[in-house]
Protein backbone atom coordinates (compact mmCIF):
# COMPACT_ATOMS: atom_id res chain seq x y z
CA UNK A 1 -31.20 -35.25 6.72
CA UNK A 2 -31.09 -31.48 5.87
CA UNK A 3 -31.54 -28.94 8.66
CA UNK A 4 -34.80 -26.91 8.31
CA UNK A 5 -34.19 -23.29 7.25
CA UNK A 6 -35.51 -21.85 10.54
CA UNK A 7 -33.16 -24.08 12.53
CA UNK A 8 -30.23 -23.17 10.27
CA UNK A 9 -30.90 -19.47 10.89
CA UNK A 10 -31.03 -20.03 14.66
CA UNK A 11 -27.82 -22.08 14.55
CA UNK A 12 -26.01 -19.39 12.54
CA UNK A 13 -27.09 -16.68 14.98
CA UNK A 14 -26.11 -18.80 18.00
CA UNK A 15 -22.67 -19.57 16.49
CA UNK A 16 -22.10 -15.82 16.30
CA UNK A 17 -23.22 -15.21 19.90
CA UNK A 18 -26.62 -13.73 18.98
CA UNK A 19 -30.06 -14.68 20.24
CA UNK A 20 -32.37 -15.78 17.40
CA UNK A 21 -34.99 -13.03 17.72
CA UNK A 22 -37.67 -12.69 15.03
CA UNK A 23 -36.03 -9.56 13.59
CA UNK A 24 -32.56 -11.15 13.48
CA UNK A 25 -33.99 -14.24 11.78
CA UNK A 26 -35.84 -12.09 9.22
CA UNK A 27 -32.76 -9.96 8.44
CA UNK A 28 -30.55 -13.02 8.07
CA UNK A 29 -33.17 -14.64 5.83
CA UNK A 30 -33.14 -11.52 3.60
CA UNK A 31 -29.47 -12.22 2.79
CA UNK A 32 -29.92 -15.94 1.98
CA UNK A 33 -29.21 -16.47 -1.71
CA UNK A 34 -28.82 -12.74 -2.34
CA UNK A 35 -26.10 -12.24 -4.99
CA UNK A 36 -25.50 -8.54 -4.27
CA UNK A 37 -25.14 -6.18 -1.33
CA UNK A 38 -28.30 -4.75 0.23
CA UNK A 39 -28.96 -1.29 1.63
CA UNK A 40 -30.92 -0.76 4.81
CA UNK A 41 -33.86 0.38 2.64
CA UNK A 42 -33.64 -2.86 0.60
CA UNK A 43 -33.77 -4.92 3.78
CA UNK A 44 -36.60 -2.83 5.21
CA UNK A 45 -38.57 -3.41 2.00
CA UNK A 46 -37.88 -7.17 2.15
CA UNK A 47 -39.08 -7.34 5.76
CA UNK A 48 -42.27 -5.47 4.93
CA UNK A 49 -44.33 -2.78 6.60
CA UNK A 50 -44.17 -2.51 10.33
CA UNK A 51 -40.43 -3.05 10.51
CA UNK A 52 -38.96 -1.03 13.33
CA UNK A 53 -36.13 0.94 11.74
CA UNK A 54 -34.16 1.36 14.98
CA UNK A 55 -34.26 -2.40 15.64
CA UNK A 56 -33.26 -3.08 12.04
CA UNK A 57 -30.18 -0.83 12.18
CA UNK A 58 -29.17 -2.17 15.59
CA UNK A 59 -29.44 -5.67 14.13
CA UNK A 60 -27.27 -4.71 11.15
CA UNK A 61 -24.69 -3.16 13.48
CA UNK A 62 -24.55 -6.29 15.65
CA UNK A 63 -24.29 -8.50 12.53
CA UNK A 64 -21.26 -6.50 11.37
CA UNK A 65 -19.70 -6.62 14.85
CA UNK A 66 -20.24 -10.40 15.10
CA UNK A 67 -18.87 -11.24 11.64
CA UNK A 68 -22.13 -12.11 9.87
CA UNK A 69 -22.15 -9.10 7.52
CA UNK A 70 -19.64 -6.60 6.20
CA UNK A 71 -20.18 -3.07 4.98
CA UNK A 72 -19.66 -2.46 1.28
CA UNK A 73 -18.35 0.90 0.13
CA UNK A 74 -19.17 2.59 -3.16
CA UNK A 75 -19.36 6.15 -4.42
CA UNK A 76 -22.74 6.86 -2.82
CA UNK A 77 -23.44 7.71 0.78
CA UNK A 78 -25.70 4.65 1.02
CA UNK A 79 -24.32 1.94 3.29
CA UNK A 80 -24.76 -1.54 1.83
CA UNK A 81 -24.25 -4.86 3.55
CA UNK A 82 -23.19 -8.26 2.26
CA UNK A 83 -22.83 -11.63 3.90
CA UNK A 84 -19.40 -12.37 5.31
CA UNK A 85 -17.33 -15.37 4.43
CA UNK A 86 -17.18 -18.31 6.82
CA UNK A 87 -13.75 -17.12 8.06
CA UNK A 88 -15.14 -13.92 9.61
CA UNK A 89 -15.60 -13.75 13.34
CA UNK A 90 -16.50 -11.08 15.89
CA UNK A 91 -14.29 -8.06 15.31
CA UNK A 92 -12.23 -9.76 12.60
CA UNK A 93 -13.42 -9.51 9.03
CA UNK A 94 -11.45 -11.45 6.46
CA UNK A 95 -13.41 -10.17 3.49
CA UNK A 96 -10.36 -8.89 1.67
CA UNK A 97 -11.98 -9.26 -1.71
CA UNK A 98 -12.94 -7.07 -4.62
CA UNK A 99 -16.38 -5.51 -4.98
CA UNK A 100 -17.96 -4.85 -8.38
CA UNK A 101 -20.54 -2.11 -9.02
CA UNK A 102 -22.70 -2.59 -12.11
CA UNK A 103 -23.35 0.73 -13.81
CA UNK A 104 -26.56 -0.62 -15.36
CA UNK A 105 -28.49 -2.26 -12.49
CA UNK A 106 -26.55 -0.38 -9.75
CA UNK A 107 -26.03 -3.57 -7.72
CA UNK A 108 -22.75 -4.10 -5.88
CA UNK A 109 -21.42 -7.65 -5.88
CA UNK A 110 -18.78 -9.32 -3.70
CA UNK A 111 -16.21 -11.07 -5.84
CA UNK A 112 -14.92 -13.33 -3.10
CA UNK A 113 -12.75 -15.28 -5.52
CA UNK A 114 -10.79 -12.12 -6.42
CA UNK A 115 -8.34 -10.97 -3.75
CA UNK A 116 -7.40 -7.33 -3.31
CA UNK A 117 -3.95 -6.86 -4.82
CA UNK A 118 -1.10 -6.22 -2.40
CA UNK A 119 -0.21 -2.57 -2.01
CA UNK A 120 3.10 -1.36 -0.61
CA UNK A 121 2.63 1.89 1.26
CA UNK A 122 5.36 4.48 1.76
CA UNK A 123 6.85 4.84 5.22
CA UNK A 124 4.68 6.29 7.97
CA UNK A 125 1.44 5.10 6.33
CA UNK A 126 -0.46 2.24 7.95
CA UNK A 127 -3.63 0.93 6.33
CA UNK A 128 -6.44 0.00 8.71
CA UNK A 129 -8.95 -1.10 6.08
CA UNK A 130 -8.94 -2.07 2.42
CA UNK A 131 -11.72 -1.42 -0.10
CA UNK A 132 -11.36 -2.20 -3.77
CA UNK A 133 -14.24 -1.34 -6.09
CA UNK A 134 -14.40 -2.11 -9.79
CA UNK A 135 -17.02 -0.59 -12.11
CA UNK A 136 -18.58 -2.05 -15.22
CA UNK A 137 -21.46 -4.20 -16.37
CA UNK A 138 -22.43 -7.41 -14.57
CA UNK A 139 -23.04 -10.64 -16.46
CA UNK A 140 -26.82 -10.44 -16.03
CA UNK A 141 -27.00 -6.94 -17.51
CA UNK A 142 -24.67 -7.90 -20.38
CA UNK A 143 -27.01 -10.76 -21.27
CA UNK A 144 -30.07 -8.50 -21.27
């Protein structure tokens, strides 16, 4: 028997050490089935009027810290978030995958099946984080 969506949200939050508050449930629900990364403004719009912005951004921060979401970098100053893979855990993100920014629709997609290529750094350089962003046209925009 399938688990009801509300229970699945609560279970996911509990597995990541978070209480299933109404805001956390709503934010997590906003990412269900979402094929591209969302900005804080996108999430705020999905949650509707009356959303407390401070609570929303605290929720996003705790989701990143607990391995539910990761931040997605692109050329803008807008922070976007995407769901983490199942391997992520608090403080340890294993989302070493390529991101793709569509120049038509402006959506940024996680390409989890494409690993970031290995890079050998010269001596005295130590990478702390890896971001790899490709630009082009997504399949949906090509079809349009």
